[in-house]
């Protein structure tokens, strides 16, 4: 029995796989044993291009020596220490480095271990902020159709996708949903250059309906990921931020997937000149090497949680929030981003990706070709066949979302790899 077969046999008896149908495990599936650069290698020696950056997290590919070195160094010094009434150097240094990415440093950073937990914290902070200010009736959340913000109960409430979350509908709380903006398939049949944001009228109507009740609005800036890579214009984001300012509503930016250079800027919000009240970060924060996320909050919000006279402490936290090894990993990741000009490279490679993806337009069975920075997506008639051919013939690993086949390659790949990957997709579409 091969190593791969041996591990699959062991796996089938013990592992519960996320987002995986039982039937998918009846066939052979890869057993990944190591990674290097943009590639993963399985137990049978096959090389696979990680075209989705291992769920959009490994922005620097696999096996980056500076990052693995940081993990080893910190593991030999301090493995874990709580942040309740204590601190440690890696947490303080990382929080300072994260804040330095923003227009001003009047912020605080609350760490967690995954994106959904960062979103949960943001929602709870928003509610308690209004409670602290004596306005507990501001307790409603506004979000978009097709949003996805994680799989915990609060995150599901503002990012409910029926295909994922239907069994949990009875226990999620009610959030107000506005129409999802989506230029590639505009529901109003309008051209993005002349539409005057017809899709934004739905958001205005939600705010009129709720009047002074919204605590916060939460969105994935410029691209709704798990909802189908629904890319929308910067003008929509800017209009939403302006509406939040006029109504005093907190603006939460879920940059867990689209942040850390993915769109050609460090944060997608920067394309629209938007500075959110609360930002959720994760995935690429540690280059995907260790679990860590962050909820970054403006000081005017944080300052309402003081306990002078009345206890307004935020009684929230997780065992591994601010884990020293994870913090050291993220801190080194930010240094690599700076030293290797990762965001600038991603912006340049995004232009290459956009040019290559345009070649897919006009192919029979193809619709809605779109790109945003280092995100490329296309809707196809038979995504399962395209996925299978990419895997078998080219060794390219993708995970379609419905009929959407997308690429989220590591940000530090070459132009030649982008071109060959998109051309493989073209071939797979034509021959599937």
Protein backbone atom coordinates (compact mmCIF):
# COMPACT_ATOMS: atom_id res chain seq x y z
CA UNK A 1 0.00 0.00 0.00
CA UNK A 2 1.36 3.42 -0.96
CA UNK A 3 1.84 6.17 1.62
CA UNK A 4 -1.05 8.08 0.11
CA UNK A 5 -3.38 5.08 0.28
CA UNK A 6 -2.32 4.38 3.85
CA UNK A 7 -3.11 7.91 5.03
CA UNK A 8 -6.41 7.99 3.15
CA UNK A 9 -7.46 4.79 4.87
CA UNK A 10 -6.55 6.26 8.26
CA UNK A 11 -8.25 9.55 7.41
CA UNK A 12 -11.54 7.99 6.32
CA UNK A 13 -11.88 6.38 9.76
CA UNK A 14 -11.11 9.46 11.84
CA UNK A 15 -11.27 12.91 10.21
CA UNK A 16 -14.35 15.09 9.73
CA UNK A 17 -13.50 17.30 6.75
CA UNK A 18 -14.81 20.88 6.56
CA UNK A 19 -16.98 21.82 3.59
CA UNK A 20 -16.61 18.32 2.15
CA UNK A 21 -19.30 15.94 0.96
CA UNK A 22 -19.00 12.34 2.11
CA UNK A 23 -19.12 11.24 -1.54
CA UNK A 24 -16.00 13.28 -2.32
CA UNK A 25 -14.00 11.08 0.04
CA UNK A 26 -15.04 7.86 -1.64
CA UNK A 27 -12.58 8.64 -4.43
CA UNK A 28 -8.87 9.11 -3.92
CA UNK A 29 -7.96 12.56 -2.70
CA UNK A 30 -4.56 14.23 -2.20
CA UNK A 31 -2.59 13.66 0.96
CA UNK A 32 -0.46 16.80 1.26
CA UNK A 33 2.90 16.25 2.94
CA UNK A 34 4.86 19.45 2.25
CA UNK A 35 4.82 22.78 0.48
CA UNK A 36 7.31 25.01 -1.30
CA UNK A 37 6.55 28.33 -2.94
CA UNK A 38 3.16 28.24 -4.70
CA UNK A 39 3.15 24.43 -4.75
CA UNK A 40 1.93 21.64 -2.51
CA UNK A 41 3.30 18.09 -2.79
CA UNK A 42 1.30 14.97 -2.01
CA UNK A 43 2.37 11.66 -0.46
CA UNK A 44 2.67 10.08 -3.90
CA UNK A 45 5.11 12.72 -5.13
CA UNK A 46 2.75 14.80 -7.23
CA UNK A 47 3.21 18.59 -7.37
CA UNK A 48 0.03 20.70 -7.16
CA UNK A 49 -0.28 24.42 -7.77
CA UNK A 50 -2.11 25.92 -4.81
CA UNK A 51 -4.28 28.21 -6.92
CA UNK A 52 -6.50 29.17 -3.98
CA UNK A 53 -3.66 29.89 -1.52
CA UNK A 54 -5.03 27.25 0.85
CA UNK A 55 -8.35 28.99 1.43
CA UNK A 56 -7.05 32.43 0.56
CA UNK A 57 -4.52 32.54 3.38
CA UNK A 58 -1.03 31.57 2.14
CA UNK A 59 -0.33 34.86 0.40
CA UNK A 60 3.42 34.24 0.39
CA UNK A 61 3.20 30.63 -0.70
CA UNK A 62 4.58 27.77 1.36
CA UNK A 63 7.86 27.29 3.18
CA UNK A 64 8.99 30.93 3.25
CA UNK A 65 12.21 30.65 5.23
CA UNK A 66 11.94 33.93 7.11
CA UNK A 67 8.50 33.03 8.40
CA UNK A 68 9.31 29.44 9.33
CA UNK A 69 12.44 30.79 11.01
CA UNK A 70 10.34 33.18 13.11
CA UNK A 71 8.15 30.27 14.21
CA UNK A 72 11.17 28.25 15.31
CA UNK A 73 12.74 31.16 17.18
CA UNK A 74 9.61 32.08 19.10
CA UNK A 75 8.79 28.44 19.87
CA UNK A 76 12.09 28.20 21.73
CA UNK A 77 11.39 31.30 23.84
CA UNK A 78 7.71 31.49 24.82
CA UNK A 79 5.02 29.16 23.56
CA UNK A 80 1.91 30.66 25.16
CA UNK A 81 0.87 33.29 27.65
CA UNK A 82 -2.53 34.81 28.22
CA UNK A 83 -3.17 38.49 27.51
CA UNK A 84 -5.59 38.97 30.40
CA UNK A 85 -3.81 41.51 32.67
CA UNK A 86 -0.49 40.49 31.05
CA UNK A 87 1.35 41.06 27.80
CA UNK A 88 4.37 39.73 25.95
CA UNK A 89 6.73 41.34 23.42
CA UNK A 90 5.32 39.70 20.30
CA UNK A 91 1.75 40.86 21.03
CA UNK A 92 2.79 44.45 21.80
CA UNK A 93 5.06 44.64 18.76
CA UNK A 94 2.51 43.10 16.40
CA UNK A 95 -0.32 45.36 17.56
CA UNK A 96 1.94 48.37 17.03
CA UNK A 97 2.89 47.15 13.55
CA UNK A 98 -0.75 46.51 12.60
CA UNK A 99 -1.84 49.97 13.76
CA UNK A 100 0.96 51.50 11.68
CA UNK A 101 -0.82 50.22 8.55
CA UNK A 102 -3.68 52.69 9.13
CA UNK A 103 -3.97 56.44 8.46
CA UNK A 104 -3.54 57.23 12.17
CA UNK A 105 -2.48 55.25 15.22
CA UNK A 106 -5.46 56.05 17.41
CA UNK A 107 -6.61 52.43 17.47
CA UNK A 108 -6.52 49.26 19.51
CA UNK A 109 -6.06 45.67 18.37
CA UNK A 110 -7.96 42.71 19.81
CA UNK A 111 -6.46 39.39 18.75
CA UNK A 112 -8.22 36.09 18.08
CA UNK A 113 -7.34 32.92 16.23
CA UNK A 114 -9.60 32.95 13.15
CA UNK A 115 -11.61 35.28 10.97
CA UNK A 116 -15.05 34.36 12.28
CA UNK A 117 -13.89 35.12 15.82
CA UNK A 118 -12.67 38.54 14.66
CA UNK A 119 -16.12 39.19 13.19
CA UNK A 120 -17.87 38.01 16.36
CA UNK A 121 -15.76 40.44 18.36
CA UNK A 122 -16.55 43.29 15.98
CA UNK A 123 -20.29 42.67 16.29
CA UNK A 124 -20.16 42.47 20.09
CA UNK A 125 -17.97 45.57 20.31
CA UNK A 126 -20.51 47.46 18.19
CA UNK A 127 -23.39 46.46 20.45
CA UNK A 128 -21.59 47.25 23.66
CA UNK A 129 -20.31 50.56 22.25
CA UNK A 130 -23.87 51.80 21.88
CA UNK A 131 -24.79 50.34 25.27
CA UNK A 132 -21.83 52.19 26.80
CA UNK A 133 -23.06 55.40 25.21
CA UNK A 134 -26.56 54.98 26.63
CA UNK A 135 -28.21 54.02 23.33
CA UNK A 136 -28.94 50.29 23.71
CA UNK A 137 -31.73 50.51 21.09
CA UNK A 138 -29.05 50.83 18.42
CA UNK A 139 -28.81 47.05 18.19
CA UNK A 140 -29.50 46.16 14.55
CA UNK A 141 -26.95 45.09 11.95
CA UNK A 142 -26.98 45.84 8.25
CA UNK A 143 -25.27 43.59 5.71
CA UNK A 144 -25.45 42.53 2.07
CA UNK A 145 -27.12 39.66 0.28
CA UNK A 146 -24.59 36.95 -0.62
CA UNK A 147 -22.32 38.04 2.25
CA UNK A 148 -20.15 35.55 4.07
CA UNK A 149 -18.41 36.43 7.32
CA UNK A 150 -17.73 33.03 8.91
CA UNK A 151 -19.55 30.09 10.44
CA UNK A 152 -20.04 31.06 14.08
CA UNK A 153 -23.58 32.09 15.02
CA UNK A 154 -23.07 35.85 14.95
CA UNK A 155 -21.02 35.71 11.77
CA UNK A 156 -23.70 33.54 10.13
CA UNK A 157 -26.36 36.06 11.11
CA UNK A 158 -24.73 38.82 9.06
CA UNK A 159 -23.34 36.47 6.40
CA UNK A 160 -26.11 33.95 5.89
CA UNK A 161 -25.70 31.77 2.80
CA UNK A 162 -28.57 29.29 2.57
CA UNK A 163 -26.45 26.65 0.83
CA UNK A 164 -24.11 26.66 3.84
CA UNK A 165 -26.27 27.67 6.78
CA UNK A 166 -29.89 26.57 6.28
CA UNK A 167 -29.95 24.11 9.24
CA UNK A 168 -29.04 26.97 11.58
CA UNK A 169 -31.68 29.44 10.40
CA UNK A 170 -33.82 29.02 13.55
CA UNK A 171 -31.09 30.34 15.85
CA UNK A 172 -29.34 33.13 13.92
CA UNK A 173 -30.45 36.66 14.73
CA UNK A 174 -32.21 38.86 12.18
CA UNK A 175 -30.02 41.24 10.21
CA UNK A 176 -31.22 43.69 7.59
CA UNK A 177 -29.92 42.82 4.14
CA UNK A 178 -29.44 45.18 1.24
CA UNK A 179 -29.09 44.25 -2.41
CA UNK A 180 -25.68 42.88 -3.30
CA UNK A 181 -23.81 45.10 -5.79
CA UNK A 182 -22.37 42.99 -8.61
CA UNK A 183 -21.19 44.68 -11.79
CA UNK A 184 -20.48 41.53 -13.84
CA UNK A 185 -24.15 40.56 -13.69
CA UNK A 186 -25.98 43.77 -12.84
CA UNK A 187 -29.54 42.90 -11.87
CA UNK A 188 -30.64 46.26 -13.28
CA UNK A 189 -28.97 45.64 -16.64
CA UNK A 190 -26.87 48.78 -16.34
CA UNK A 191 -23.32 49.67 -17.37
CA UNK A 192 -20.94 50.33 -14.44
CA UNK A 193 -19.73 53.55 -16.07
CA UNK A 194 -23.20 55.11 -16.23
CA UNK A 195 -25.30 53.27 -13.62
CA UNK A 196 -25.06 55.98 -10.94
CA UNK A 197 -25.10 53.22 -8.32
CA UNK A 198 -28.69 52.14 -8.83
CA UNK A 199 -27.89 49.15 -6.59
CA UNK A 200 -27.16 51.48 -3.66
CA UNK A 201 -30.78 52.57 -3.41
CA UNK A 202 -31.54 49.31 -1.59
CA UNK A 203 -29.01 50.19 1.11
CA UNK A 204 -30.52 53.66 1.51
CA UNK A 205 -33.95 52.08 1.93
CA UNK A 206 -32.65 49.77 4.67
CA UNK A 207 -31.27 52.74 6.58
CA UNK A 208 -34.57 54.65 6.16
CA UNK A 209 -36.47 51.63 7.46
CA UNK A 210 -34.26 51.23 10.53
CA UNK A 211 -34.00 54.99 11.15
CA UNK A 212 -31.77 55.36 14.23
CA UNK A 213 -31.57 51.65 15.07
CA UNK A 214 -28.42 50.38 13.22
CA UNK A 215 -25.46 49.59 15.43
CA UNK A 216 -23.20 48.84 12.46
CA UNK A 217 -23.01 47.82 8.85
CA UNK A 218 -20.60 45.05 7.88
CA UNK A 219 -19.32 44.31 4.37
CA UNK A 220 -16.54 42.54 2.53
CA UNK A 221 -14.96 45.50 0.74
CA UNK A 222 -15.11 45.32 -3.09
CA UNK A 223 -15.45 41.53 -3.34
CA UNK A 224 -17.92 39.16 -1.70
CA UNK A 225 -15.81 36.00 -1.62
CA UNK A 226 -17.71 32.86 -0.69
CA UNK A 227 -20.88 34.36 -2.17
CA UNK A 228 -19.37 33.88 -5.63
CA UNK A 229 -16.52 36.39 -6.03
CA UNK A 230 -19.02 39.19 -6.55
CA UNK A 231 -16.85 42.22 -7.34
CA UNK A 232 -18.31 45.71 -7.01
CA UNK A 233 -17.09 49.30 -7.54
CA UNK A 234 -15.17 51.57 -5.19
CA UNK A 235 -17.93 54.18 -5.53
CA UNK A 236 -20.35 51.85 -3.73
CA UNK A 237 -17.97 51.44 -0.81
CA UNK A 238 -17.36 55.20 -0.61
CA UNK A 239 -21.11 55.89 -0.68
CA UNK A 240 -21.71 53.38 2.10
CA UNK A 241 -18.99 54.91 4.28
CA UNK A 242 -20.51 58.36 3.74
CA UNK A 243 -23.97 57.06 4.68
CA UNK A 244 -22.52 55.59 7.88
CA UNK A 245 -20.91 58.90 8.77
CA UNK A 246 -24.15 60.82 8.24
CA UNK A 247 -26.15 58.43 10.42
CA UNK A 248 -23.47 57.76 13.04
CA UNK A 249 -23.51 54.04 12.19
CA UNK A 250 -20.32 52.08 12.75
CA UNK A 251 -18.65 50.78 9.59
CA UNK A 252 -17.14 47.28 9.92
CA UNK A 253 -14.84 46.17 7.09
CA UNK A 254 -14.33 42.42 6.86
CA UNK A 255 -10.91 42.38 5.18
CA UNK A 256 -10.12 38.82 6.25
CA UNK A 257 -9.98 37.58 2.65
CA UNK A 258 -9.49 40.76 0.64
CA UNK A 259 -6.90 42.41 2.88
CA UNK A 260 -3.15 41.94 3.14
CA UNK A 261 -2.45 42.98 -0.45
CA UNK A 262 -4.94 40.70 -2.19
CA UNK A 263 -6.51 43.55 -4.18
CA UNK A 264 -3.27 45.39 -4.97
CA UNK A 265 -3.48 47.57 -1.87
CA UNK A 266 -2.78 46.50 1.69
CA UNK A 267 -6.51 46.83 2.34
CA UNK A 268 -9.35 46.86 -0.17
CA UNK A 269 -10.87 49.86 1.62
CA UNK A 270 -7.92 51.96 0.50
CA UNK A 271 -9.12 51.83 -3.11
CA UNK A 272 -12.15 53.89 -2.03
CA UNK A 273 -10.35 56.09 0.49
CA UNK A 274 -12.41 54.54 3.28
CA UNK A 275 -11.11 54.33 6.86
CA UNK A 276 -13.48 51.92 8.67
CA UNK A 277 -14.38 52.24 12.33
CA UNK A 278 -13.61 48.54 12.83
CA UNK A 279 -11.58 46.26 10.60
CA UNK A 280 -11.39 42.48 10.79
CA UNK A 281 -8.14 40.89 9.64
CA UNK A 282 -6.99 37.28 9.40
CA UNK A 283 -5.83 34.65 6.90
CA UNK A 284 -2.87 36.42 5.27
CA UNK A 285 -1.96 38.23 8.49
CA UNK A 286 0.35 35.31 9.30
CA UNK A 287 0.76 34.36 5.62
CA UNK A 288 -1.53 31.47 6.51
CA UNK A 289 1.18 29.76 8.56
CA UNK A 290 -0.52 29.91 11.98
CA UNK A 291 -4.04 30.79 13.14
CA UNK A 292 -4.33 34.45 14.10
CA UNK A 293 -6.82 37.23 13.44
CA UNK A 294 -7.33 40.78 14.63
CA UNK A 295 -10.18 43.20 15.24
CA UNK A 296 -8.80 46.72 14.84
CA UNK A 297 -10.92 49.39 16.52
CA UNK A 298 -10.73 53.18 16.49
CA UNK A 299 -9.83 54.75 19.81
CA UNK A 300 -13.11 56.68 20.12
CA UNK A 301 -14.88 53.31 20.30
CA UNK A 302 -12.31 51.67 22.57
CA UNK A 303 -12.40 54.56 25.03
CA UNK A 304 -16.07 53.95 25.87
CA UNK A 305 -15.10 50.63 27.48
CA UNK A 306 -13.39 52.21 30.49
CA UNK A 307 -14.32 51.25 34.06
CA UNK A 308 -14.08 54.68 35.68
CA UNK A 309 -17.16 54.95 37.86
CA UNK A 310 -19.00 52.18 36.03
CA UNK A 311 -17.62 48.90 34.77
CA UNK A 312 -17.80 48.84 30.96
CA UNK A 313 -15.12 46.18 30.47
CA UNK A 314 -15.37 44.09 27.31
CA UNK A 315 -15.71 40.63 28.81
CA UNK A 316 -14.68 38.74 25.73
CA UNK A 317 -11.64 36.72 24.73
CA UNK A 318 -10.25 33.40 23.58
CA UNK A 319 -7.62 31.14 25.11
CA UNK A 320 -5.15 31.58 22.26
CA UNK A 321 -5.78 35.23 21.44
CA UNK A 322 -2.38 36.83 20.97
CA UNK A 323 -0.52 33.52 21.10
CA UNK A 324 3.21 34.41 21.09
CA UNK A 325 4.19 32.07 18.26
CA UNK A 326 1.31 33.24 16.07
CA UNK A 327 2.11 36.88 16.85
CA UNK A 328 5.78 36.43 16.01
CA UNK A 329 4.75 34.77 12.76
CA UNK A 330 2.46 37.65 11.82
CA UNK A 331 5.08 40.23 12.78
CA UNK A 332 7.64 38.60 10.50
CA UNK A 333 5.01 38.39 7.76
CA UNK A 334 4.54 42.17 7.90
CA UNK A 335 8.31 42.63 7.67
CA UNK A 336 8.44 40.36 4.62
CA UNK A 337 5.63 42.36 3.02
CA UNK A 338 7.71 45.51 3.51
CA UNK A 339 11.11 44.10 2.55
CA UNK A 340 9.90 42.19 -0.51
CA UNK A 341 7.44 44.88 -1.70
CA UNK A 342 4.64 42.32 -1.72
CA UNK A 343 1.75 44.76 -2.13
CA UNK A 344 3.42 46.58 -5.01
CA UNK A 345 4.20 43.24 -6.67
CA UNK A 346 0.60 42.11 -6.20
CA UNK A 347 -0.65 45.30 -7.85
CA UNK A 348 1.64 44.71 -10.83
CA UNK A 349 0.71 41.04 -11.13
CA UNK A 350 -2.95 41.97 -10.84
CA UNK A 351 -2.65 43.81 -14.15
CA UNK A 352 -1.16 40.67 -15.70
CA UNK A 353 -3.99 38.56 -14.31
CA UNK A 354 -6.60 41.00 -15.63
CA UNK A 355 -5.11 40.93 -19.13
CA UNK A 356 -4.96 37.14 -19.19
CA UNK A 357 -8.46 36.65 -17.81
CA UNK A 358 -9.93 38.84 -20.55
CA UNK A 359 -8.91 36.13 -23.03
CA UNK A 360 -11.65 33.93 -21.56
CA UNK A 361 -14.42 36.28 -22.66
CA UNK A 362 -16.40 35.04 -25.61
CA UNK A 363 -15.72 31.34 -25.03
CA UNK A 364 -18.85 29.23 -25.25
CA UNK A 365 -20.25 28.48 -21.81
CA UNK A 366 -18.28 31.29 -20.15
CA UNK A 367 -19.83 34.35 -18.50
CA UNK A 368 -18.97 37.04 -16.00
CA UNK A 369 -15.20 37.19 -16.32
CA UNK A 370 -13.92 39.50 -13.56
CA UNK A 371 -10.77 40.41 -11.68
CA UNK A 372 -9.77 42.53 -8.72
CA UNK A 373 -6.08 42.69 -7.99
CA UNK A 374 -4.93 39.11 -7.52
CA UNK A 375 -8.48 37.71 -7.61
CA UNK A 376 -9.62 36.23 -10.90
CA UNK A 377 -13.00 34.58 -11.43
CA UNK A 378 -15.18 33.26 -14.24
CA UNK A 379 -18.55 31.54 -14.38
CA UNK A 380 -18.61 28.33 -16.41
CA UNK A 381 -21.26 25.84 -17.48
CA UNK A 382 -19.57 22.77 -15.96
CA UNK A 383 -17.30 23.75 -13.04
CA UNK A 384 -16.81 20.15 -11.87
CA UNK A 385 -15.40 19.12 -15.24
CA UNK A 386 -13.14 22.18 -15.37
CA UNK A 387 -11.89 21.47 -11.87
CA UNK A 388 -11.18 17.83 -12.70
CA UNK A 389 -9.27 18.67 -15.86
CA UNK A 390 -7.19 21.35 -14.17
CA UNK A 391 -6.24 18.83 -11.51
CA UNK A 392 -5.55 15.83 -13.74
CA UNK A 393 -3.81 17.49 -16.68
CA UNK A 394 -2.13 20.51 -15.13
CA UNK A 395 -1.83 19.71 -11.42
CA UNK A 396 -3.76 22.87 -10.49
CA UNK A 397 -5.90 22.77 -7.37
CA UNK A 398 -9.07 24.88 -7.33
CA UNK A 399 -12.32 24.84 -5.35
CA UNK A 400 -15.22 26.26 -7.40
CA UNK A 401 -17.98 28.24 -5.70
CA UNK A 402 -21.14 27.05 -7.43
CA UNK A 403 -20.47 27.65 -11.10
CA UNK A 404 -17.64 30.08 -10.37
CA UNK A 405 -14.07 28.95 -10.94
CA UNK A 406 -11.62 31.37 -9.38
CA UNK A 407 -7.92 31.88 -8.73
CA UNK A 408 -6.37 33.38 -5.61
CA UNK A 409 -2.72 32.60 -6.26
CA UNK A 410 -0.03 33.59 -3.75
CA UNK A 411 0.82 37.26 -4.17
CA UNK A 412 4.51 36.69 -4.86
CA UNK A 413 4.13 34.50 -7.96
CA UNK A 414 5.66 35.43 -11.32
CA UNK A 415 3.90 36.81 -14.38
CA UNK A 416 4.79 33.65 -16.30
CA UNK A 417 3.05 31.45 -13.72
CA UNK A 418 -0.07 33.62 -13.91
CA UNK A 419 -0.10 33.35 -17.70
CA UNK A 420 0.36 29.58 -17.73
CA UNK A 421 -2.32 29.12 -15.06
CA UNK A 422 -4.95 31.15 -16.90
CA UNK A 423 -4.08 29.42 -20.18
CA UNK A 424 -4.57 26.08 -18.45
CA UNK A 425 -7.98 27.29 -17.32
CA UNK A 426 -8.81 28.30 -20.89
CA UNK A 427 -7.82 24.86 -22.14
CA UNK A 428 -9.82 23.15 -19.40
CA UNK A 429 -12.93 25.19 -20.27
CA UNK A 430 -12.58 24.47 -23.99
CA UNK A 431 -12.08 20.72 -23.54
CA UNK A 432 -14.20 19.88 -20.50
